[in-house]
Amino acid sequence: MAWRFVRYTPFVLAMAACPSGPDQPDGGGKDAMMDVGPPPPGAYCALPGSRIFLGSSTLVLPPPNGVTEADTSFVKLPAGYCVHYYATIPAARAIRFAPGGELFVASPSTSTAGGAPPGMGAVVVVPDDNKDGYGDSTSPFQSGLASTQGMLFANGSYYYQDQTRVMRIPYASGQRTASGTPQQLVDIVAYQSVDHWPKTIDIADDGTLYVTNGGDQNEVCTGMPHAVTGGVFQIDGTPNGKIIAEGFRNSMYMRCQRGHNNCFADELTLDGSGGGGGREKMVLIAPGDWGFPCCASQNLPFNGISPTPNCSTVVPETNSFIVGNTPFGLDFETGKWPAPYTNNTFIAMHGTVGSWSGARIVSIQMDPATGRPLPGGNTGGTDMGSLSDFLTGYDDGSQKHGRPSDVTFAADGRMFIANDFTGVILWVAPTGLMHP
């Protein structure tokens, strides 16, 4: 196998030694400058096609003969990690692993607010049966789904979003074509946003099923409490579900963590509100009101609202981001990665519409006792507390690399990253993660 080393310039190395930020080339890891050796034989990062970050150099393993893959040269990671191309699915909006290990990709054809090109109007299954690190095929598991994003495998069933509805069909491990009669579980019609139609589905440790619902930018504050629009609903057997958490402009991504009965949603707040204290958030799903369209945070009304609303009852956040960084899909590392990323939350930041500034993957450290995120954020433009950049390079000004839309961890420990603009799906692993 031919190996090719790429060495960074001294200027880039000097930048990598500074505190992390979205424009710095070596990712957000605190050990980005620590030189490490190549991956051991049998590691995922030793697969052909891997781009491996060793610290002051990058090791590139050429792809197998005949394999055409997407460019990964823009990616910047901490030392000791690699990136690898997996597959391309148009408008890869959400990704999820089935019990048998196949990657499922939601590819909606309905337009989305971020301006991504239309997809296949389907959910696509992308297996890697020969274990070479590349998707083997891209066959529709289920077609005729123009407005789909949410997917879930649980209770011997496959759950999916079909416009405002959450549906369920029987599912057996290894199944690669949908079959059976769909059962409607809920129809979320408390509020229907044309722009923020995507929904995410997940299940908590205690068996509670949740689904997100989007609000709209132009909603008017009528005081607190307010009418339910954006929020998180429980699928509880009633036709329209039960509102649990409210006061969101657009909580389109949600994920439940295992082991602590915690579920979290990402909130995209009022566009343009950053100058008045607005912030985007990662929040714990629990009964409460997060303030939109009246309040940016607890005791902090949005600018220009009269009469001034009472924001004292708004739930305070512990993790917030610059308005326009646009937190999308999130997932939780399962203990296979080394410190400082062990059991962290990873979030795909979609970046700012038009410039894609801030598009990257960030990491948030979690409290091992509670499974909840430690305080942190970057609303002031500097990473603070538990937050750090992990994978950067998307927002290099060229707009050639798309925008990350979702992340999900495979059972083997690799983190997969979707991209709804280019459709390119990548995976990332630590160099010591062994290939079974």
Protein backbone atom coordinates (compact mmCIF):
# COMPACT_ATOMS: atom_id res chain seq x y z
CA MET A 1 0.00 0.00 0.00
CA ALA A 2 1.39 3.39 -1.01
CA TRP A 3 1.38 6.06 1.70
CA ARG A 4 1.52 9.77 1.01
CA PHE A 5 2.42 12.37 3.64
CA VAL A 6 1.27 15.97 3.48
CA ARG A 7 3.08 18.36 5.79
CA TYR A 8 1.49 21.59 7.00
CA THR A 9 3.27 24.90 6.56
CA PRO A 10 4.82 26.55 9.65
CA PHE A 11 2.09 29.25 9.55
CA VAL A 12 -0.64 26.63 9.77
CA LEU A 13 1.18 24.91 12.62
CA ALA A 14 1.39 28.16 14.53
CA MET A 15 -2.33 28.73 14.09
CA ALA A 16 -3.11 25.21 15.30
CA ALA A 17 -1.41 25.93 18.61
CA CYS A 18 -3.88 28.74 19.38
CA PRO A 19 -7.24 28.21 21.09
CA SER A 20 -9.74 26.54 18.82
CA GLY A 21 -12.14 28.40 16.56
CA PRO A 22 -14.11 27.80 13.38
CA ASP A 23 -11.39 29.15 11.08
CA GLN A 24 -8.48 27.21 12.57
CA PRO A 25 -7.21 24.36 10.47
CA ASP A 26 -6.55 21.54 12.90
CA GLY A 27 -9.95 21.08 14.49
CA GLY A 28 -10.81 21.89 18.07
CA GLY A 29 -8.96 19.17 19.92
CA LYS A 30 -6.70 20.38 22.69
CA ASP A 31 -4.11 17.81 21.54
CA ALA A 32 -4.17 18.90 17.88
CA MET A 33 -0.41 19.58 17.86
CA MET A 34 0.65 16.34 19.53
CA ASP A 35 2.37 14.15 16.95
CA VAL A 36 1.07 10.58 16.83
CA GLY A 37 2.04 7.52 14.82
CA PRO A 38 0.19 5.90 11.93
CA PRO A 39 -2.79 3.67 12.71
CA PRO A 40 -1.99 0.07 13.62
CA PRO A 41 -2.76 -2.69 11.11
CA GLY A 42 -6.40 -3.67 11.37
CA ALA A 43 -7.59 -0.23 12.47
CA TYR A 44 -10.43 1.52 10.64
CA CYS A 45 -8.04 4.37 9.88
CA ALA A 46 -5.72 1.92 8.10
CA LEU A 47 -8.36 1.29 5.43
CA PRO A 48 -7.49 2.56 1.94
CA GLY A 49 -8.98 5.99 1.36
CA SER A 50 -8.31 7.28 4.88
CA ARG A 51 -6.88 10.73 5.54
CA ILE A 52 -5.06 10.50 8.88
CA PHE A 53 -4.06 13.45 11.04
CA LEU A 54 -0.75 12.81 12.79
CA GLY A 55 -0.18 16.30 14.22
CA SER A 56 2.43 18.09 12.12
CA SER A 57 1.68 15.93 9.07
CA THR A 58 -1.18 14.18 7.34
CA LEU A 59 -1.02 10.62 6.06
CA VAL A 60 -3.18 9.91 3.00
CA LEU A 61 -3.93 6.32 2.03
CA PRO A 62 -4.99 6.13 -1.63
CA PRO A 63 -8.40 4.62 -2.33
CA PRO A 64 -8.65 1.14 -3.85
CA ASN A 65 -8.26 0.82 -7.59
CA GLY A 66 -11.40 1.83 -9.40
CA VAL A 67 -12.92 3.71 -6.47
CA THR A 68 -13.91 7.31 -7.13
CA GLU A 69 -14.47 9.21 -3.91
CA ALA A 70 -15.37 12.71 -2.83
CA ASP A 71 -12.70 15.18 -1.77
CA THR A 72 -11.73 15.09 1.92
CA SER A 73 -8.71 17.39 1.67
CA PHE A 74 -10.64 20.31 3.22
CA VAL A 75 -11.24 18.42 6.48
CA LYS A 76 -9.20 19.38 9.55
CA LEU A 77 -9.18 17.12 12.61
CA PRO A 78 -7.20 16.76 15.84
CA ALA A 79 -4.13 14.55 15.75
CA GLY A 80 -4.97 10.89 16.16
CA TYR A 81 -8.14 10.91 14.02
CA CYS A 82 -8.92 10.07 10.41
CA VAL A 83 -11.65 10.91 7.93
CA HIS A 84 -12.92 8.62 5.17
CA TYR A 85 -15.45 9.02 2.36
CA TYR A 86 -18.45 6.66 2.58
CA ALA A 87 -21.13 7.46 -0.01
CA THR A 88 -23.07 10.22 -1.77
CA ILE A 89 -26.86 10.53 -1.43
CA PRO A 90 -28.61 13.66 -2.73
CA ALA A 91 -29.85 15.93 0.08
CA ALA A 92 -28.60 13.65 2.87
CA ARG A 93 -30.64 15.37 5.55
CA ALA A 94 -30.59 12.76 8.32
CA ILE A 95 -28.77 9.48 8.96
CA ARG A 96 -29.48 6.58 11.29
CA PHE A 97 -28.14 3.06 11.75
CA ALA A 98 -30.45 0.06 11.56
CA PRO A 99 -30.02 -2.82 14.05
CA GLY A 100 -28.11 -4.84 11.44
CA GLY A 101 -25.56 -2.07 10.91
CA GLU A 102 -26.85 -0.62 7.64
CA LEU A 103 -26.83 3.16 7.31
CA PHE A 104 -30.21 4.69 6.47
CA VAL A 105 -30.34 8.14 4.85
CA ALA A 106 -33.36 10.45 4.64
CA SER A 107 -33.29 12.21 1.25
CA PRO A 108 -36.31 14.55 1.02
CA SER A 109 -37.36 16.17 -2.25
CA THR A 110 -39.34 18.95 -0.54
CA SER A 111 -37.30 22.15 -0.32
CA THR A 112 -35.80 23.13 3.02
CA ALA A 113 -35.20 26.57 4.52
CA GLY A 114 -31.43 26.30 4.15
CA GLY A 115 -31.64 26.01 0.36
CA ALA A 116 -30.24 22.52 -0.12
CA PRO A 117 -30.96 20.93 -3.50
CA PRO A 118 -33.83 18.43 -3.64
CA GLY A 119 -33.19 14.81 -2.90
CA MET A 120 -34.76 11.52 -3.92
CA GLY A 121 -37.99 11.77 -1.94
CA ALA A 122 -36.99 8.53 -0.26
CA VAL A 123 -35.20 6.85 2.58
CA VAL A 124 -32.11 5.11 1.22
CA VAL A 125 -30.24 2.16 2.71
CA VAL A 126 -26.44 2.22 2.28
CA PRO A 127 -24.77 -0.97 3.59
CA ASP A 128 -21.08 -1.81 3.73
CA ASP A 129 -21.24 -5.58 3.37
CA ASN A 130 -17.62 -6.05 2.34
CA LYS A 131 -16.35 -3.92 5.25
CA ASP A 132 -14.04 -1.78 3.13
CA GLY A 133 -15.26 1.50 4.63
CA TYR A 134 -17.32 2.49 1.57
CA GLY A 135 -21.06 2.19 1.03
CA ASP A 136 -21.71 -0.69 -1.36
CA SER A 137 -25.06 0.39 -2.79
CA THR A 138 -27.62 3.19 -2.54
CA SER A 139 -30.99 1.53 -2.91
CA PRO A 140 -34.26 3.13 -1.76
CA PHE A 141 -35.65 1.42 1.30
CA GLN A 142 -38.85 3.39 0.97
CA SER A 143 -39.91 5.77 -1.81
CA GLY A 144 -42.74 8.28 -2.17
CA LEU A 145 -41.64 10.36 0.83
CA ALA A 146 -41.18 13.92 -0.39
CA SER A 147 -41.22 15.46 3.11
CA THR A 148 -39.24 13.08 5.29
CA GLN A 149 -36.43 13.44 7.79
CA GLY A 150 -37.09 11.62 11.06
CA MET A 151 -36.23 7.92 11.34
CA LEU A 152 -36.10 5.51 14.28
CA PHE A 153 -35.60 1.79 14.81
CA ALA A 154 -37.22 0.54 18.01
CA ASN A 155 -39.66 -2.07 19.33
CA GLY A 156 -39.27 -4.26 16.26
CA SER A 157 -40.46 -1.39 14.10
CA TYR A 158 -39.21 1.29 11.75
CA TYR A 159 -40.66 4.75 12.47
CA TYR A 160 -40.53 7.54 9.91
CA GLN A 161 -41.80 11.04 9.14
CA ASP A 162 -44.28 11.47 6.30
CA GLN A 163 -45.05 15.21 6.20
CA THR A 164 -46.90 15.98 9.46
CA ARG A 165 -47.38 12.33 10.36
CA VAL A 166 -45.24 9.78 12.18
CA MET A 167 -45.75 6.31 10.74
CA ARG A 168 -44.61 2.84 11.75
CA ILE A 169 -44.07 -0.44 9.92
CA PRO A 170 -42.69 -3.77 11.16
CA TYR A 171 -38.94 -4.12 10.73
CA ALA A 172 -36.61 -7.12 10.96
CA SER A 173 -32.85 -6.77 11.32
CA GLY A 174 -31.20 -6.85 7.90
CA GLN A 175 -34.33 -5.85 6.01
CA ARG A 176 -33.53 -3.56 3.09
CA THR A 177 -36.92 -2.95 1.51
CA ALA A 178 -39.95 -1.58 3.34
CA SER A 179 -42.88 -3.94 3.67
CA GLY A 180 -46.07 -4.18 5.64
CA THR A 181 -48.97 -1.81 6.11
CA PRO A 182 -47.97 1.56 7.64
CA GLN A 183 -49.64 2.53 10.90
CA GLN A 184 -50.13 6.20 11.70
CA LEU A 185 -49.08 7.00 15.25
CA VAL A 186 -49.60 10.77 15.37
CA ASP A 187 -50.32 13.75 13.16
CA ILE A 188 -48.58 16.90 14.43
CA VAL A 189 -50.94 19.66 13.31
CA ALA A 190 -50.79 22.04 16.30
CA TYR A 191 -48.81 24.24 13.92
CA GLN A 192 -47.62 23.55 10.39
CA SER A 193 -44.66 25.54 9.08
CA VAL A 194 -44.03 25.55 5.35
CA ASP A 195 -40.33 26.31 5.83
CA HIS A 196 -39.60 24.31 8.98
CA TRP A 197 -41.43 21.11 8.14
CA PRO A 198 -38.65 18.57 9.02
CA LYS A 199 -39.21 16.50 12.13
CA THR A 200 -37.01 14.15 14.13
CA ILE A 201 -38.18 11.09 16.07
CA ASP A 202 -36.50 9.33 18.97
CA ILE A 203 -37.22 7.17 21.99
CA ALA A 204 -36.03 7.70 25.56
CA ASP A 205 -34.70 4.96 27.81
CA ASP A 206 -38.09 4.74 29.52
CA GLY A 207 -39.84 4.09 26.18
CA THR A 208 -41.26 7.58 25.68
CA LEU A 209 -41.47 8.53 22.00
CA TYR A 210 -40.81 12.15 21.02
CA VAL A 211 -41.14 14.13 17.79
CA THR A 212 -40.11 17.71 17.03
CA ASN A 213 -42.18 20.41 15.34
CA GLY A 214 -41.02 23.67 13.75
CA GLY A 215 -42.32 27.20 14.28
CA ASP A 216 -41.73 30.27 12.09
CA GLN A 217 -39.56 33.38 11.95
CA ASN A 218 -42.47 35.81 11.64
CA GLU A 219 -44.44 34.76 14.72
CA VAL A 220 -45.69 37.64 16.87
CA CYS A 221 -45.28 37.72 20.64
CA THR A 222 -48.66 38.01 22.34
CA GLY A 223 -47.21 37.63 25.81
CA MET A 224 -46.36 34.69 28.01
CA PRO A 225 -47.75 32.04 27.92
CA HIS A 226 -48.27 31.90 24.16
CA ALA A 227 -49.80 29.62 21.55
CA VAL A 228 -47.93 26.38 20.90
CA THR A 229 -46.07 26.32 17.58
CA GLY A 230 -42.50 25.02 17.65
CA GLY A 231 -41.77 22.40 20.26
CA VAL A 232 -41.28 18.75 21.17
CA PHE A 233 -44.33 16.48 21.35
CA GLN A 234 -44.80 13.12 23.01
CA ILE A 235 -46.32 10.39 20.87
CA ASP A 236 -48.76 9.23 23.51
CA GLY A 237 -51.52 7.42 21.65
CA THR A 238 -53.62 10.53 21.07
CA PRO A 239 -54.20 11.65 17.47
CA ASN A 240 -52.12 14.85 17.69
CA GLY A 241 -49.66 14.09 20.47
CA LYS A 242 -48.94 15.88 23.73
CA ILE A 243 -46.78 19.01 23.90
CA ILE A 244 -43.83 18.57 26.28
CA ALA A 245 -41.37 21.39 25.57
CA GLU A 246 -42.46 24.58 23.81
CA GLY A 247 -41.25 28.04 22.90
CA PHE A 248 -39.02 26.99 19.99
CA ARG A 249 -38.66 28.64 16.61
CA ASN A 250 -37.24 25.53 14.98
CA SER A 251 -36.27 22.44 16.95
CA MET A 252 -35.85 20.19 13.92
CA TYR A 253 -33.15 17.88 15.33
CA MET A 254 -33.37 15.81 18.50
CA ARG A 255 -31.60 12.77 19.91
CA CYS A 256 -32.01 10.62 23.02
CA GLN A 257 -28.95 9.58 24.99
CA ARG A 258 -28.63 6.07 26.38
CA GLY A 259 -28.06 5.33 30.05
CA HIS A 260 -29.49 8.45 31.69
CA ASN A 261 -33.00 8.75 30.18
CA ASN A 262 -32.06 12.12 28.69
CA CYS A 263 -33.18 13.51 25.34
CA PHE A 264 -31.92 16.76 23.80
CA ALA A 265 -33.05 19.10 21.03
CA ASP A 266 -31.26 21.85 19.13
CA GLU A 267 -33.14 25.15 18.88
CA LEU A 268 -32.63 27.61 16.01
CA THR A 269 -33.74 30.92 17.39
CA LEU A 270 -34.92 34.18 15.78
CA ASP A 271 -32.72 35.04 12.78
CA GLY A 272 -30.81 38.28 13.28
CA SER A 273 -31.31 38.39 17.03
CA GLY A 274 -27.67 37.89 18.02
CA GLY A 275 -27.08 41.59 18.64
CA GLY A 276 -29.88 41.64 21.19
CA GLY A 277 -28.81 38.58 23.13
CA GLY A 278 -30.39 35.91 20.94
CA ARG A 279 -28.67 32.56 20.98
CA GLU A 280 -29.15 29.11 19.51
CA LYS A 281 -29.28 26.29 22.02
CA MET A 282 -28.92 22.65 22.88
CA VAL A 283 -31.64 21.92 25.44
CA LEU A 284 -32.78 19.05 27.64
CA ILE A 285 -36.26 17.89 26.69
CA ALA A 286 -38.47 18.39 29.73
CA PRO A 287 -41.72 20.24 30.46
CA GLY A 288 -41.14 23.97 30.08
CA ASP A 289 -41.17 26.99 27.80
CA TRP A 290 -38.02 28.19 26.04
CA GLY A 291 -39.47 31.60 25.23
CA PHE A 292 -39.85 32.03 21.47
CA PRO A 293 -41.31 34.28 20.02
CA CYS A 294 -41.13 36.55 23.07
CA CYS A 295 -37.90 35.78 24.90
CA ALA A 296 -34.33 35.03 23.85
CA SER A 297 -33.59 33.47 27.25
CA GLN A 298 -34.64 33.72 30.85
CA ASN A 299 -35.24 37.38 31.81
CA LEU A 300 -34.15 38.45 28.29
CA PRO A 301 -36.88 39.60 25.87
CA PHE A 302 -36.15 39.83 22.16
CA ASN A 303 -35.51 43.41 21.05
CA GLY A 304 -38.37 45.61 19.93
CA ILE A 305 -41.27 43.79 21.57
CA SER A 306 -43.88 46.01 23.18
CA PRO A 307 -45.19 45.67 25.80
CA THR A 308 -42.11 44.02 27.25
CA PRO A 309 -42.91 40.36 27.97
CA ASN A 310 -42.24 38.72 31.33
CA CYS A 311 -39.43 36.24 30.62
CA SER A 312 -38.85 35.11 34.19
CA THR A 313 -40.45 31.70 33.65
CA VAL A 314 -38.40 30.82 30.56
CA VAL A 315 -36.18 27.78 31.03
CA PRO A 316 -32.49 28.84 31.18
CA GLU A 317 -30.05 27.08 28.87
CA THR A 318 -26.58 25.76 29.75
CA ASN A 319 -25.31 25.43 26.16
CA SER A 320 -25.72 28.12 23.52
CA PHE A 321 -24.24 29.14 20.19
CA ILE A 322 -23.88 32.17 17.92
CA VAL A 323 -27.08 32.90 15.98
CA GLY A 324 -26.45 31.56 12.48
CA ASN A 325 -24.10 28.74 13.48
CA THR A 326 -27.27 26.66 13.11
CA PRO A 327 -26.99 23.50 15.22
CA PHE A 328 -28.48 20.56 13.31
CA GLY A 329 -28.09 16.83 14.03
CA LEU A 330 -26.47 15.56 17.22
CA ASP A 331 -25.38 12.27 18.72
CA PHE A 332 -23.41 10.88 21.66
CA GLU A 333 -20.04 9.11 21.65
CA THR A 334 -20.43 5.71 23.32
CA GLY A 335 -17.14 5.29 25.18
CA LYS A 336 -14.93 4.00 22.36
CA TRP A 337 -13.07 7.29 21.77
CA PRO A 338 -10.15 8.47 23.91
CA ALA A 339 -10.18 11.58 26.10
CA PRO A 340 -11.07 14.41 25.76
CA TYR A 341 -13.92 13.17 23.55
CA THR A 342 -15.10 10.15 25.51
CA ASN A 343 -18.92 10.18 25.89
CA ASN A 344 -19.14 13.73 24.47
CA THR A 345 -22.03 15.12 22.47
CA PHE A 346 -21.20 15.99 18.87
CA ILE A 347 -23.29 18.47 16.87
CA ALA A 348 -23.32 19.22 13.14
CA MET A 349 -23.25 23.01 12.79
CA HIS A 350 -24.91 23.86 9.47
CA GLY A 351 -23.43 27.37 9.35
CA THR A 352 -24.87 30.70 8.24
CA VAL A 353 -27.12 30.84 5.19
CA GLY A 354 -25.27 32.51 2.31
CA SER A 355 -21.74 32.39 3.75
CA TRP A 356 -21.79 29.01 5.55
CA SER A 357 -19.69 30.64 8.25
CA GLY A 358 -19.47 28.43 11.33
CA ALA A 359 -20.18 25.17 9.48
CA ARG A 360 -18.29 22.50 11.42
CA ILE A 361 -18.64 19.68 13.95
CA VAL A 362 -18.42 20.70 17.60
CA SER A 363 -17.95 18.65 20.76
CA ILE A 364 -19.58 19.23 24.15
CA GLN A 365 -18.32 17.53 27.28
CA MET A 366 -20.91 15.76 29.42
CA ASP A 367 -21.26 15.19 33.16
CA PRO A 368 -20.64 11.43 33.60
CA ALA A 369 -22.92 11.28 36.64
CA THR A 370 -25.99 12.88 35.04
CA GLY A 371 -25.31 12.51 31.32
CA ARG A 372 -26.11 16.19 30.89
CA PRO A 373 -23.87 18.71 29.13
CA LEU A 374 -21.45 20.79 31.13
CA PRO A 375 -21.95 24.55 30.71
CA GLY A 376 -20.41 26.01 27.58
CA GLY A 377 -20.97 27.87 24.35
CA ASN A 378 -19.63 30.56 22.04
CA THR A 379 -22.28 33.27 21.88
CA GLY A 380 -19.51 35.83 22.28
CA GLY A 381 -17.49 34.37 19.40
CA THR A 382 -15.01 32.44 21.55
CA ASP A 383 -15.41 28.81 22.62
CA MET A 384 -16.11 28.59 26.34
CA GLY A 385 -16.42 25.85 28.92
CA SER A 386 -17.39 22.43 27.62
CA LEU A 387 -17.58 23.42 23.93
CA SER A 388 -14.77 22.94 21.43
CA ASP A 389 -14.46 22.57 17.69
CA PHE A 390 -13.74 19.04 16.50
CA LEU A 391 -13.91 18.95 12.69
CA THR A 392 -13.45 22.15 10.70
CA GLY A 393 -12.83 23.14 7.08
CA TYR A 394 -16.33 23.41 5.63
CA ASP A 395 -16.41 27.21 5.86
CA ASP A 396 -13.19 28.04 4.01
CA GLY A 397 -14.98 30.65 1.87
CA SER A 398 -15.16 28.48 -1.24
CA GLN A 399 -18.61 26.97 -0.57
CA LYS A 400 -17.36 23.83 -2.32
CA HIS A 401 -17.72 21.43 0.59
CA GLY A 402 -21.36 21.75 1.52
CA ARG A 403 -22.79 21.98 5.02
CA PRO A 404 -22.89 19.21 7.64
CA SER A 405 -26.48 18.28 8.44
CA ASP A 406 -26.38 15.30 10.80
CA VAL A 407 -24.06 13.07 12.80
CA THR A 408 -24.62 9.55 14.07
CA PHE A 409 -22.41 6.96 15.73
CA ALA A 410 -22.17 3.42 14.42
CA ALA A 411 -22.09 0.54 16.88
CA ASP A 412 -18.41 0.04 15.99
CA GLY A 413 -17.54 3.55 17.26
CA ARG A 414 -17.20 5.51 14.01
CA MET A 415 -18.96 8.84 13.69
CA PHE A 416 -20.78 9.35 10.38
CA ILE A 417 -21.47 12.85 9.03
CA ALA A 418 -24.18 13.75 6.50
CA ASN A 419 -24.19 16.74 4.17
CA ASP A 420 -27.47 17.97 2.69
CA PHE A 421 -25.83 20.27 0.09
CA THR A 422 -23.32 17.92 -1.53
CA GLY A 423 -24.86 14.66 -0.35
CA VAL A 424 -21.41 13.46 0.72
CA ILE A 425 -21.34 11.17 3.76
CA LEU A 426 -18.05 10.85 5.65
CA TRP A 427 -16.97 8.86 8.66
CA VAL A 428 -14.42 9.77 11.33
CA ALA A 429 -12.59 7.53 13.78
CA PRO A 430 -9.69 7.64 16.23
CA THR A 431 -6.60 5.95 14.82
CA GLY A 432 -6.68 3.24 17.50
CA LEU A 433 -10.25 2.10 16.76
CA MET A 434 -9.89 -1.46 15.49
CA HIS A 435 -11.76 -2.94 12.55
CA PRO A 436 -13.42 -6.24 13.64
